Amino acid sequence: MIRKIGILGVGLFCLVSILSCEEDFNDIGSNVVKNTKFNTNEIELEIEITPIDVESVRADNVSLGNGISEYWLGVYNSGDYKTLESSFVSQLGLATNLRTEDVEEASEDHPIDSIYHLDDVILKLPYTSTRKGDHDNGSPKFVLDSVLGNPDAETTLRVYRNGTYLNLLDPSNPSESNSYMSNETYVEEELISDGVFSFKPVDTDTMHIITRTRRTDFTNTNTETFETEEKLSTKGPFIAIPLNKTRMQELFWDKFGDTELTSTQEFVNYFRGIYVKAEGTDGSLLPFNLSTSNPAAAVEFHYTISRFEREDGNDNLVYKDTIASKYSFPLNGIRNAVYKMTPGSNSIPNDNFVIQGTAGTMAQVKVLGVNLAKIRLNDPNNAILKYEAFDNNPQDDYLSLEELATVRDTANDSFGLLVNDAALTFYINQAVNTNKDILPQRLFIYTNEDDGSGNTLPKHIVDAYTESQFFNGNLVSTDDDQPEKYTIRITDYISNLLDRSSTNFAPLILKAYNNPTDNPFLTGALNTNVFTYNWNPRGVTLLNQNESTHGAKKAVLKLTYSEKR
């Protein structure tokens, strides 16, 4: 399909002029140009792939706000890619109407008095899940989304009081927003989880039992216990991590009404948030929904109110009822993901390369150009050989993109080639990757440009926003559901280089697509800069450009073009 016609060595203005005077040239928009005045050919441009090790990526929500709601937590040891221990740090929002006793004692005007009892403190984290009908007993059935790793191995979590102040503004330049990378370090001020918490992901974890305490006699301390069930409003599954009740009572419950908990600013200065840290060499990695529109993600103080009523005619207080309640401090404000990466245990096969999201691996894709020596040997009648004279460096025997951009065909009124389609294809190593569901579902490519001061700036290639429906990069599977390849169409990008609309011949960068931050219209308007976020933990092993090893499945750029007869 022709999204944009590019001419080797001819500007867009010239193209318009040529089309206007060619009465027969009227079928632009089909897959290739079919016309008696043009020949259509296909040529391979060889590429060179170099792995790029990623040290860190941006992982905070400072600029995106609630645009990041999904945070991965746990351990993923695939063997073939970097082992990922994924954690997160988050501020807390301040709960309202905090109190641990009645406003006033019972009297004639206020006949009820109450006793508050703190029962349990938990960190509640809702799984990302999908409802799939109902169980036989009528209760809703859920399936956990995107479980990676070994669900039979326990994952270790610890919750710390964060001692690092999280700032929206850059301390070195307060006029700019702050940013946090995935390898930031945080002060683990104190452990507030009730020891070490270990879990295995279970889609039936839809309730947490709270053991509660009530008093039925106002004058003595005798108590009795009962249980209640804590559930999400969606009835979906969640993790309830027990926090140290004694310490949380000292930090929060006993300070209700104190200055530290009377305003948001005082509160974030006093309690700088929580650090939920995953550790281990094996386990499960799962996404958790921490969206502020889903207030279930919170530190919860579950308490019981035993209410007593004043008897008529005397001051005795008799038991009235019990109310089970809670205060929720939502995970709110600044959040940041923390990725600890360690090398995979399996070596990468020869002539393969790896793409892994988060702080994993990307790849540089350099377009070498047309291999003239190979074409002379295997296809001596190929039409591209007529342009050998444009090879300015005969020693390499390649027609590079820069050299193709200088092509002129003076016999045809300086009319060169029309670029119909340019597609990069990367084949998957099917011996390593057998399960398509755990692979990146899309790959993404961009380029680096000089910002004018000697620094490089990641930029979307033009196809990402002019031809987004064709740009693609999606995972393609075989008829028997085996992962096969990724194809990315870069027709406009190549056209712009060859007609000199663009002069940025820098290598391309291949990465795991990050949803939604790799969308150039993320903010509603076009942003040509590529964000450096990535919370996609998946990896894939791809075959490189070595033809002698991979044959027809080598990584390659195929160019379909037409030329005037």
Protein backbone atom coordinates (compact mmCIF):
# COMPACT_ATOMS: atom_id res chain seq x y z
CA MET A 1 0.00 0.00 0.00
CA ILE A 2 1.37 3.42 -0.85
CA ARG A 3 1.03 5.81 2.02
CA LYS A 4 3.44 8.39 0.69
CA ILE A 5 5.34 8.36 -2.56
CA GLY A 6 9.02 9.13 -2.26
CA ILE A 7 11.36 9.81 -5.15
CA LEU A 8 15.03 9.04 -5.14
CA GLY A 9 16.63 12.40 -5.59
CA VAL A 10 13.42 14.28 -6.53
CA GLY A 11 11.56 16.64 -4.21
CA LEU A 12 7.86 16.50 -3.48
CA PHE A 13 7.24 19.55 -5.66
CA CYS A 14 8.76 17.75 -8.61
CA LEU A 15 6.65 14.69 -7.87
CA VAL A 16 3.45 16.70 -8.00
CA SER A 17 4.52 18.20 -11.32
CA ILE A 18 5.32 14.79 -12.78
CA LEU A 19 2.03 13.25 -11.67
CA SER A 20 0.04 16.12 -13.10
CA CYS A 21 1.44 15.58 -16.56
CA GLU A 22 1.25 11.78 -16.61
CA GLU A 23 -2.32 11.06 -17.69
CA ASP A 24 -1.91 7.31 -17.30
CA PHE A 25 -0.36 7.49 -13.83
CA ASN A 26 -3.63 7.33 -11.93
CA ASP A 27 -3.56 4.29 -9.67
CA ILE A 28 -1.57 5.61 -6.70
CA GLY A 29 -2.84 4.09 -3.47
CA SER A 30 -2.63 0.43 -4.45
CA ASN A 31 -0.05 -1.90 -2.97
CA VAL A 32 2.43 -1.13 -5.74
CA VAL A 33 2.43 1.20 -8.71
CA LYS A 34 0.94 -0.65 -11.69
CA ASN A 35 1.25 1.40 -14.82
CA THR A 36 2.53 0.97 -18.33
CA LYS A 37 4.96 3.84 -17.79
CA PHE A 38 6.59 2.28 -14.69
CA ASN A 39 8.36 -0.90 -13.68
CA THR A 40 8.00 -2.22 -10.13
CA ASN A 41 10.85 -4.00 -8.34
CA GLU A 42 11.78 -5.21 -4.88
CA ILE A 43 15.21 -4.95 -3.33
CA GLU A 44 16.70 -5.95 0.02
CA LEU A 45 18.68 -3.46 2.06
CA GLU A 46 20.96 -5.18 4.51
CA ILE A 47 21.03 -4.05 8.12
CA GLU A 48 23.46 -4.36 11.01
CA ILE A 49 22.11 -4.96 14.51
CA THR A 50 23.96 -3.99 17.68
CA PRO A 51 22.51 -4.72 21.16
CA ILE A 52 22.06 -1.81 23.57
CA ASP A 53 22.11 -2.54 27.28
CA VAL A 54 19.61 -0.35 29.15
CA GLU A 55 20.73 0.84 32.58
CA SER A 56 17.51 2.56 33.59
CA VAL A 57 14.30 4.04 32.25
CA ARG A 58 11.98 6.70 33.52
CA ALA A 59 9.38 5.05 35.73
CA ASP A 60 7.57 7.80 37.68
CA ASN A 61 4.14 9.38 37.30
CA VAL A 62 5.23 13.00 37.86
CA SER A 63 4.44 14.20 34.33
CA LEU A 64 1.88 11.54 33.42
CA GLY A 65 -0.13 11.74 36.64
CA ASN A 66 -2.67 8.95 36.59
CA GLY A 67 -1.53 7.98 33.08
CA ILE A 68 0.44 5.24 34.81
CA SER A 69 -1.88 3.08 36.85
CA GLU A 70 -0.25 -0.30 36.30
CA TYR A 71 2.81 -1.12 38.37
CA TRP A 72 4.53 -4.49 38.17
CA LEU A 73 5.45 -6.15 41.42
CA GLY A 74 7.38 -9.35 42.00
CA VAL A 75 10.24 -11.37 40.54
CA TYR A 76 10.59 -12.61 36.95
CA ASN A 77 13.38 -15.07 36.20
CA SER A 78 12.93 -16.31 32.63
CA GLY A 79 16.51 -17.55 32.29
CA ASP A 80 16.77 -16.09 28.78
CA TYR A 81 16.54 -12.43 29.78
CA LYS A 82 17.59 -10.27 32.68
CA THR A 83 16.05 -11.35 35.96
CA LEU A 84 13.76 -8.55 37.12
CA GLU A 85 12.93 -7.69 40.71
CA SER A 86 10.22 -5.06 40.31
CA SER A 87 9.21 -2.87 43.25
CA PHE A 88 7.61 0.53 43.70
CA VAL A 89 7.58 3.53 46.01
CA SER A 90 4.46 5.62 46.61
CA GLN A 91 3.24 8.51 48.67
CA LEU A 92 0.00 8.15 50.61
CA GLY A 93 -3.05 10.37 50.50
CA LEU A 94 -4.43 11.66 53.80
CA ALA A 95 -7.62 10.06 55.11
CA THR A 96 -10.32 12.37 56.47
CA ASN A 97 -12.35 12.65 59.70
CA LEU A 98 -9.70 10.82 61.70
CA ARG A 99 -10.53 10.08 65.32
CA THR A 100 -10.14 7.32 67.88
CA GLU A 101 -12.81 8.38 70.36
CA ASP A 102 -16.13 10.16 70.47
CA VAL A 103 -16.15 13.91 70.26
CA GLU A 104 -17.70 14.14 73.73
CA GLU A 105 -18.79 11.89 76.57
CA ALA A 106 -22.35 10.64 76.86
CA SER A 107 -24.80 13.15 78.35
CA GLU A 108 -28.48 14.00 78.20
CA ASP A 109 -27.89 15.90 74.99
CA HIS A 110 -25.47 13.32 73.66
CA PRO A 111 -26.69 9.94 74.87
CA ILE A 112 -24.13 7.72 73.06
CA ASP A 113 -20.49 7.05 73.91
CA SER A 114 -18.14 4.77 72.02
CA ILE A 115 -14.97 2.74 72.43
CA TYR A 116 -12.68 2.48 69.40
CA HIS A 117 -10.44 -0.54 68.94
CA LEU A 118 -7.76 -0.90 66.24
CA ASP A 119 -8.03 -4.42 64.86
CA ASP A 120 -5.76 -4.74 61.84
CA VAL A 121 -3.57 -2.70 59.49
CA ILE A 122 -3.00 -3.92 55.95
CA LEU A 123 -1.65 -2.75 52.61
CA LYS A 124 -4.31 -3.65 50.07
CA LEU A 125 -3.18 -4.04 46.43
CA PRO A 126 -5.74 -5.06 43.79
CA TYR A 127 -4.59 -7.43 41.09
CA THR A 128 -5.19 -6.52 37.46
CA SER A 129 -7.80 -9.10 36.55
CA THR A 130 -10.63 -9.89 34.16
CA ARG A 131 -14.00 -11.27 35.17
CA LYS A 132 -14.84 -14.52 33.41
CA GLY A 133 -18.37 -15.45 34.42
CA ASP A 134 -19.29 -17.06 37.75
CA HIS A 135 -18.36 -20.06 39.84
CA ASP A 136 -20.90 -22.82 40.46
CA ASN A 137 -21.84 -21.17 43.76
CA GLY A 138 -22.69 -17.92 41.97
CA SER A 139 -19.63 -16.00 43.10
CA PRO A 140 -17.76 -14.08 40.37
CA LYS A 141 -14.86 -15.80 38.62
CA PHE A 142 -11.73 -13.80 37.78
CA VAL A 143 -8.57 -14.49 35.80
CA LEU A 144 -5.35 -12.69 36.73
CA ASP A 145 -3.92 -10.71 33.83
CA SER A 146 -0.34 -11.08 32.59
CA VAL A 147 1.19 -13.41 35.18
CA LEU A 148 4.86 -13.87 34.28
CA GLY A 149 7.38 -16.20 35.87
CA ASN A 150 6.82 -19.18 38.12
CA PRO A 151 3.44 -18.99 39.90
CA ASP A 152 4.34 -22.03 42.01
CA ALA A 153 7.29 -20.24 43.61
CA GLU A 154 6.59 -17.86 46.47
CA THR A 155 7.44 -14.21 45.90
CA THR A 156 8.91 -12.29 48.84
CA LEU A 157 7.71 -8.78 49.65
CA ARG A 158 8.74 -6.32 52.33
CA VAL A 159 7.11 -2.97 53.02
CA TYR A 160 9.33 -0.17 54.30
CA ARG A 161 8.63 3.33 55.48
CA ASN A 162 10.23 5.45 52.78
CA GLY A 163 12.72 7.95 54.13
CA THR A 164 13.37 9.76 50.84
CA TYR A 165 11.36 12.90 50.20
CA LEU A 166 9.56 12.73 46.85
CA ASN A 167 9.42 16.09 45.12
CA LEU A 168 7.29 17.17 42.16
CA LEU A 169 9.84 19.84 41.23
CA ASP A 170 13.49 19.40 40.33
CA PRO A 171 15.46 20.55 43.42
CA SER A 172 18.28 21.80 41.20
CA ASN A 173 15.84 23.74 38.98
CA PRO A 174 12.50 24.35 40.73
CA SER A 175 10.97 25.76 37.55
CA GLU A 176 11.10 22.27 36.01
CA SER A 177 9.22 19.10 36.89
CA ASN A 178 11.19 16.40 38.64
CA SER A 179 11.73 12.91 37.26
CA TYR A 180 12.67 9.57 38.75
CA MET A 181 14.51 6.73 37.06
CA SER A 182 13.98 3.03 37.62
CA ASN A 183 17.35 2.61 39.39
CA GLU A 184 16.72 5.29 42.03
CA THR A 185 17.69 4.34 45.58
CA TYR A 186 15.44 5.05 48.54
CA VAL A 187 16.05 5.23 52.26
CA GLU A 188 14.50 2.14 53.86
CA GLU A 189 13.75 3.98 57.08
CA GLU A 190 12.10 1.09 58.86
CA LEU A 191 10.34 -2.17 58.09
CA ILE A 192 6.60 -1.68 58.65
CA SER A 193 5.31 -4.95 57.21
CA ASP A 194 4.62 -7.61 59.79
CA GLY A 195 7.83 -9.47 58.97
CA VAL A 196 8.38 -10.92 55.50
CA PHE A 197 5.30 -11.48 53.37
CA SER A 198 5.31 -14.25 50.77
CA PHE A 199 2.60 -14.91 48.23
CA LYS A 200 1.65 -16.99 45.23
CA PRO A 201 -0.78 -15.38 42.77
CA VAL A 202 -4.25 -16.83 43.28
CA ASP A 203 -7.28 -15.56 41.39
CA THR A 204 -9.60 -16.60 44.24
CA ASP A 205 -7.99 -14.24 46.77
CA THR A 206 -11.09 -12.06 46.83
CA MET A 207 -11.43 -11.53 50.58
CA HIS A 208 -9.39 -10.83 53.69
CA ILE A 209 -10.64 -11.95 57.10
CA ILE A 210 -10.47 -9.29 59.83
CA THR A 211 -10.52 -10.51 63.41
CA ARG A 212 -12.30 -7.77 65.33
CA THR A 213 -12.67 -6.93 69.01
CA ARG A 214 -15.71 -5.47 70.75
CA ARG A 215 -16.66 -4.49 74.26
CA THR A 216 -20.13 -5.14 75.61
CA ASP A 217 -19.58 -3.59 79.05
CA PHE A 218 -18.44 0.01 79.28
CA THR A 219 -17.06 -0.34 82.81
CA ASN A 220 -14.67 -3.27 82.29
CA THR A 221 -12.11 -4.36 79.77
CA ASN A 222 -13.60 -7.74 78.95
CA THR A 223 -13.75 -8.23 75.21
CA GLU A 224 -15.00 -10.70 72.65
CA THR A 225 -13.86 -11.27 69.09
CA PHE A 226 -15.67 -11.81 65.83
CA GLU A 227 -14.71 -11.92 62.17
CA THR A 228 -15.70 -9.87 59.14
CA GLU A 229 -14.82 -10.20 55.46
CA GLU A 230 -13.05 -7.39 53.61
CA LYS A 231 -13.66 -7.32 49.84
CA LEU A 232 -13.16 -5.00 46.91
CA SER A 233 -16.20 -3.19 45.57
CA THR A 234 -15.55 -5.02 42.28
CA LYS A 235 -15.33 -8.30 44.21
CA GLY A 236 -12.04 -8.87 42.38
CA PRO A 237 -8.87 -10.48 43.77
CA PHE A 238 -6.27 -8.54 45.76
CA ILE A 239 -3.27 -8.95 48.05
CA ALA A 240 -3.57 -7.93 51.68
CA ILE A 241 -0.10 -7.46 53.18
CA PRO A 242 -0.21 -7.35 57.00
CA LEU A 243 1.55 -4.32 58.49
CA ASN A 244 2.96 -4.15 62.00
CA LYS A 245 -0.07 -3.03 64.01
CA THR A 246 1.92 -1.79 67.01
CA ARG A 247 4.21 0.39 64.93
CA MET A 248 1.44 1.64 62.63
CA GLN A 249 -0.61 2.57 65.71
CA GLU A 250 2.31 4.66 66.93
CA LEU A 251 2.90 6.26 63.53
CA PHE A 252 -0.73 6.93 62.64
CA TRP A 253 -3.49 5.93 65.06
CA ASP A 254 -2.03 7.61 68.13
CA LYS A 255 -1.35 10.79 66.16
CA PHE A 256 -4.85 11.33 64.75
CA GLY A 257 -5.57 14.98 65.45
CA ASP A 258 -1.88 15.95 65.76
CA THR A 259 -0.31 18.51 63.45
CA GLU A 260 1.36 15.84 61.29
CA LEU A 261 -2.01 14.50 60.15
CA THR A 262 -4.01 17.70 59.80
CA SER A 263 -3.00 18.71 56.25
CA THR A 264 -1.67 17.01 53.15
CA GLN A 265 1.58 19.00 53.18
CA GLU A 266 2.24 18.26 56.85
CA PHE A 267 1.44 14.62 56.25
CA VAL A 268 3.79 14.08 53.27
CA ASN A 269 6.56 15.81 55.21
CA TYR A 270 5.96 13.54 58.19
CA PHE A 271 5.31 10.23 56.40
CA ARG A 272 7.08 10.18 53.05
CA GLY A 273 5.38 7.09 51.72
CA ILE A 274 5.92 3.37 51.45
CA TYR A 275 8.48 1.30 49.59
CA VAL A 276 7.08 -2.07 48.53
CA LYS A 277 10.14 -4.14 47.75
CA ALA A 278 10.23 -7.48 45.93
CA GLU A 279 13.26 -9.69 46.43
CA GLY A 280 14.40 -13.11 45.32
CA THR A 281 15.78 -15.17 42.49
CA ASP A 282 12.47 -16.70 41.37
CA GLY A 283 8.77 -16.09 41.69
CA SER A 284 5.94 -14.30 39.93
CA LEU A 285 5.66 -10.86 38.38
CA LEU A 286 2.22 -9.27 38.11
CA PRO A 287 0.71 -5.88 37.30
CA PHE A 288 -1.20 -4.13 40.08
CA ASN A 289 -3.75 -1.37 39.58
CA LEU A 290 -2.67 1.66 41.63
CA SER A 291 -4.90 4.16 39.84
CA THR A 292 -6.23 7.04 41.94
CA SER A 293 -9.61 6.27 40.38
CA ASN A 294 -9.39 2.91 42.11
CA PRO A 295 -9.07 3.83 45.80
CA ALA A 296 -8.80 0.17 46.80
CA ALA A 297 -5.00 0.47 46.65
CA ALA A 298 -4.42 1.81 50.14
CA VAL A 299 -3.01 1.41 53.61
CA GLU A 300 -6.07 0.49 55.64
CA PHE A 301 -6.67 0.78 59.38
CA HIS A 302 -9.52 -1.56 60.28
CA TYR A 303 -11.16 -0.72 63.59
CA THR A 304 -14.29 -1.55 65.55
CA ILE A 305 -16.55 0.90 67.39
CA SER A 306 -18.44 -0.50 70.38
CA ARG A 307 -21.29 1.91 71.05
CA PHE A 308 -23.01 2.41 74.41
CA GLU A 309 -26.22 4.28 75.13
CA ARG A 310 -27.13 6.25 78.27
CA GLU A 311 -30.07 4.71 80.15
CA ASP A 312 -33.08 6.89 80.82
CA GLY A 313 -33.03 8.38 84.30
CA ASN A 314 -29.43 7.47 85.20
CA ASP A 315 -25.87 7.69 84.00
CA ASN A 316 -25.39 4.00 83.25
CA LEU A 317 -24.16 3.14 79.77
CA VAL A 318 -25.52 -0.05 78.24
CA TYR A 319 -24.29 -1.81 75.13
CA LYS A 320 -26.03 -0.62 71.94
CA ASP A 321 -24.23 -2.06 68.90
CA THR A 322 -20.93 -2.60 67.12
CA ILE A 323 -19.77 -0.88 63.95
CA ALA A 324 -16.95 -2.33 61.84
CA SER A 325 -15.14 0.43 59.94
CA LYS A 326 -11.81 1.50 58.44
CA TYR A 327 -9.65 4.47 57.54
CA SER A 328 -8.04 4.32 54.10
CA PHE A 329 -4.84 6.14 53.20
CA PRO A 330 -4.81 5.68 49.39
CA LEU A 331 -1.65 5.20 47.39
CA ASN A 332 -1.59 8.67 45.93
CA GLY A 333 0.75 11.44 44.84
CA ILE A 334 4.19 10.59 43.46
CA ARG A 335 4.93 6.99 42.56
CA ASN A 336 7.95 5.39 40.94
CA ALA A 337 8.77 1.87 39.81
CA VAL A 338 12.09 0.38 40.88
CA TYR A 339 13.75 -2.26 38.68
CA LYS A 340 16.65 -4.35 39.89
CA MET A 341 18.10 -6.21 36.90
CA THR A 342 20.60 -9.07 36.99
CA PRO A 343 21.97 -11.01 33.99
CA GLY A 344 19.99 -14.00 32.72
CA SER A 345 21.34 -17.48 33.35
CA ASN A 346 21.13 -18.59 29.70
CA SER A 347 23.52 -17.21 27.09
CA ILE A 348 22.10 -15.60 23.97
CA PRO A 349 22.43 -17.94 20.96
CA ASN A 350 24.99 -16.98 18.32
CA ASP A 351 23.68 -14.58 15.67
CA ASN A 352 20.67 -13.73 17.84
CA PHE A 353 19.82 -10.63 19.82
CA VAL A 354 17.42 -9.84 22.63
CA ILE A 355 14.78 -7.17 23.10
CA GLN A 356 13.51 -6.80 26.65
CA GLY A 357 11.44 -4.01 28.16
CA THR A 358 11.89 -2.21 31.50
CA ALA A 359 15.65 -1.74 32.04
CA GLY A 360 16.43 -4.65 29.72
CA THR A 361 17.86 -4.51 26.21
CA MET A 362 17.22 -2.53 23.04
CA ALA A 363 19.04 -2.73 19.69
CA GLN A 364 20.57 -0.32 17.21
CA VAL A 365 19.48 -1.05 13.63
CA LYS A 366 21.87 0.44 11.08
CA VAL A 367 20.78 0.30 7.43
CA LEU A 368 23.89 -0.66 5.43
CA GLY A 369 22.16 -0.47 2.07
CA VAL A 370 22.09 -2.56 -1.12
CA ASN A 371 24.81 -5.24 -1.26
CA LEU A 372 25.96 -4.82 -4.87
CA ALA A 373 28.42 -7.74 -4.78
CA LYS A 374 25.72 -10.17 -3.69
CA ILE A 375 23.28 -8.94 -6.33
CA ARG A 376 25.86 -9.23 -9.11
CA LEU A 377 26.45 -12.82 -8.05
CA ASN A 378 22.88 -13.95 -7.43
CA ASP A 379 20.77 -11.64 -9.60
CA PRO A 380 22.92 -10.03 -12.32
CA ASN A 381 19.88 -8.66 -14.18
CA ASN A 382 18.51 -6.81 -11.19
CA ALA A 383 17.48 -3.28 -12.20
CA ILE A 384 19.18 -1.73 -9.18
CA LEU A 385 22.61 -2.44 -10.75
CA LYS A 386 22.09 0.38 -13.21
CA TYR A 387 22.79 2.74 -10.28
CA GLU A 388 26.20 1.28 -9.40
CA ALA A 389 27.83 4.53 -10.44
CA PHE A 390 26.26 6.25 -7.43
CA ASP A 391 28.40 4.14 -5.09
CA ASN A 392 30.83 6.77 -3.84
CA ASN A 393 32.86 4.20 -1.92
CA PRO A 394 33.46 1.24 -4.29
CA GLN A 395 35.55 -0.50 -1.64
CA ASP A 396 32.46 -1.32 0.43
CA ASP A 397 30.40 -2.30 -2.67
CA TYR A 398 27.18 -1.03 -1.07
CA LEU A 399 24.62 1.53 -2.16
CA SER A 400 23.89 3.17 1.16
CA LEU A 401 20.79 5.23 1.90
CA GLU A 402 22.87 8.38 1.54
CA GLU A 403 24.05 7.24 -1.88
CA LEU A 404 20.57 6.18 -2.99
CA ALA A 405 19.42 9.68 -2.10
CA THR A 406 21.75 11.08 -4.80
CA VAL A 407 20.32 8.97 -7.61
CA ARG A 408 19.33 10.83 -10.78
CA ASP A 409 18.01 9.30 -13.98
CA THR A 410 18.71 11.96 -16.58
CA ALA A 411 17.41 9.73 -19.38
CA ASN A 412 14.00 9.99 -17.75
CA ASP A 413 13.96 13.70 -16.99
CA SER A 414 15.79 13.29 -13.68
CA PHE A 415 13.06 10.92 -12.53
CA GLY A 416 14.37 8.15 -10.28
CA LEU A 417 12.50 5.63 -8.17
CA LEU A 418 9.13 5.75 -6.42
CA VAL A 419 9.20 4.13 -2.96
CA ASN A 420 6.03 2.10 -2.56
CA ASP A 421 6.77 0.19 0.61
CA ALA A 422 9.62 -0.25 3.09
CA ALA A 423 9.29 -2.97 5.72
CA LEU A 424 11.66 -4.10 8.47
CA THR A 425 11.12 -7.71 9.52
CA PHE A 426 12.56 -9.49 12.56
CA TYR A 427 12.02 -13.22 12.96
CA ILE A 428 11.64 -14.86 16.37
CA ASN A 429 13.88 -17.69 17.57
CA GLN A 430 11.13 -20.29 17.92
CA ALA A 431 13.41 -22.69 19.79
CA VAL A 432 13.68 -20.17 22.63
CA ASN A 433 10.26 -18.52 22.43
CA THR A 434 7.44 -21.05 22.28
CA ASN A 435 4.69 -19.17 24.13
CA LYS A 436 3.42 -16.08 22.32
CA ASP A 437 1.48 -14.91 25.37
CA ILE A 438 4.59 -14.01 27.38
CA LEU A 439 6.39 -12.16 24.56
CA PRO A 440 6.22 -8.44 23.82
CA GLN A 441 3.04 -8.09 21.80
CA ARG A 442 4.57 -5.24 19.84
CA LEU A 443 8.00 -3.84 19.01
CA PHE A 444 8.67 -0.18 18.36
CA ILE A 445 11.30 1.71 16.42
CA TYR A 446 12.49 5.31 16.62
CA THR A 447 15.54 7.41 15.81
CA ASN A 448 17.85 9.80 17.62
CA GLU A 449 18.31 13.36 16.43
CA ASP A 450 20.77 16.07 17.36
CA ASP A 451 18.99 18.69 19.46
CA GLY A 452 21.31 21.41 18.15
CA SER A 453 23.59 21.44 21.18
CA GLY A 454 25.38 18.15 20.61
CA ASN A 455 22.94 16.03 22.59
CA THR A 456 20.76 13.32 21.08
CA LEU A 457 17.00 13.43 21.42
CA PRO A 458 14.82 10.34 20.83
CA LYS A 459 12.28 11.15 18.11
CA HIS A 460 9.37 9.32 16.50
CA ILE A 461 9.95 8.39 12.90
CA VAL A 462 7.34 9.97 10.67
CA ASP A 463 5.40 6.72 10.01
CA ALA A 464 4.56 6.45 13.72
CA TYR A 465 2.12 9.35 13.36
CA THR A 466 1.45 9.82 9.63
CA GLU A 467 0.74 6.15 8.95
CA SER A 468 0.10 4.71 12.40
CA GLN A 469 -2.38 2.14 11.05
CA PHE A 470 0.38 0.65 8.86
CA PHE A 471 3.38 1.29 11.13
CA ASN A 472 2.49 -1.87 13.03
CA GLY A 473 5.27 -3.82 14.80
CA ASN A 474 2.71 -6.28 16.20
CA LEU A 475 3.60 -9.87 16.98
CA VAL A 476 2.63 -12.23 14.13
CA SER A 477 2.00 -15.92 14.81
CA THR A 478 1.90 -18.93 12.51
CA ASP A 479 -1.27 -20.85 11.67
CA ASP A 480 -0.51 -23.22 14.55
CA ASP A 481 -0.24 -20.26 16.97
CA GLN A 482 3.54 -20.21 17.24
CA PRO A 483 5.22 -16.79 17.51
CA GLU A 484 6.88 -16.02 14.19
CA LYS A 485 7.93 -12.41 13.51
CA TYR A 486 7.47 -8.67 13.84
CA THR A 487 7.19 -6.35 10.82
CA ILE A 488 7.47 -2.57 11.07
CA ARG A 489 6.65 -0.42 8.03
CA ILE A 490 8.82 2.65 7.63
CA THR A 491 7.86 3.77 4.13
CA ASP A 492 7.54 7.48 4.82
CA TYR A 493 10.77 7.49 6.81
CA ILE A 494 12.73 5.96 3.90
CA SER A 495 10.96 8.17 1.36
CA ASN A 496 11.91 11.29 3.28
CA LEU A 497 15.54 10.24 3.39
CA LEU A 498 15.70 9.44 -0.30
CA ASP A 499 13.97 12.60 -1.49
CA ARG A 500 16.07 14.63 0.98
CA SER A 501 13.08 15.81 3.02
CA SER A 502 15.09 14.44 5.92
CA THR A 503 18.86 14.24 6.31
CA ASN A 504 18.95 12.26 9.55
CA PHE A 505 20.59 9.01 8.47
CA ALA A 506 21.32 7.97 12.07
CA PRO A 507 20.66 4.32 12.96
CA LEU A 508 17.24 3.31 14.20
CA ILE A 509 16.55 2.07 17.73
CA LEU A 510 14.39 -1.03 18.32
CA LYS A 511 12.65 -1.57 21.66
CA ALA A 512 9.72 -3.29 23.32
CA TYR A 513 6.62 -1.13 22.82
CA ASN A 514 5.42 0.59 25.98
CA ASN A 515 1.70 1.25 26.19
CA PRO A 516 0.60 4.05 26.16
CA THR A 517 3.73 6.25 26.34
CA ASP A 518 5.06 5.22 22.91
CA ASN A 519 1.91 6.66 21.33
CA PRO A 520 2.88 9.99 19.69
CA PHE A 521 -0.64 11.27 20.42
CA LEU A 522 -0.53 10.33 24.11
CA THR A 523 -1.46 13.84 25.24
CA GLY A 524 -4.08 14.30 22.52
CA ALA A 525 -1.77 16.41 20.36
CA LEU A 526 1.21 15.22 18.33
CA ASN A 527 4.44 14.95 20.30
CA THR A 528 7.36 13.98 18.07
CA ASN A 529 9.63 13.25 21.05
CA VAL A 530 9.81 9.67 22.30
CA PHE A 531 9.32 9.27 26.03
CA THR A 532 11.89 7.19 27.89
CA TYR A 533 9.33 5.33 30.00
CA ASN A 534 9.11 1.56 29.93
CA TRP A 535 7.26 -0.75 32.28
CA ASN A 536 6.87 -3.61 29.79
CA PRO A 537 8.81 -6.52 31.40
CA ARG A 538 8.56 -8.95 28.49
CA GLY A 539 11.46 -10.19 26.39
CA VAL A 540 11.99 -11.89 23.02
CA THR A 541 14.95 -13.48 21.23
CA LEU A 542 15.29 -12.47 17.57
CA LEU A 543 17.40 -13.68 14.67
CA ASN A 544 19.96 -11.15 13.48
CA GLN A 545 21.05 -10.18 9.95
CA ASN A 546 23.34 -13.17 9.31
CA GLU A 547 22.05 -14.74 6.09
CA SER A 548 24.39 -17.75 6.16
CA THR A 549 22.87 -18.76 9.51
CA HIS A 550 19.23 -17.75 9.12
CA GLY A 551 18.63 -17.74 5.36
CA ALA A 552 15.23 -16.27 4.47
CA LYS A 553 14.55 -15.54 8.15
CA LYS A 554 17.38 -13.07 8.57
CA ALA A 555 16.53 -9.58 9.77
CA VAL A 556 16.14 -7.39 6.69
CA LEU A 557 14.71 -4.19 5.25
CA LYS A 558 12.75 -4.85 2.05
CA LEU A 559 12.07 -2.00 -0.31
CA THR A 560 9.44 -2.07 -3.03
CA TYR A 561 9.92 0.67 -5.62
CA SER A 562 8.81 1.72 -9.08
CA GLU A 563 10.84 3.45 -11.77
CA LYS A 564 9.94 5.12 -15.01
CA ARG A 565 10.49 2.99 -18.09
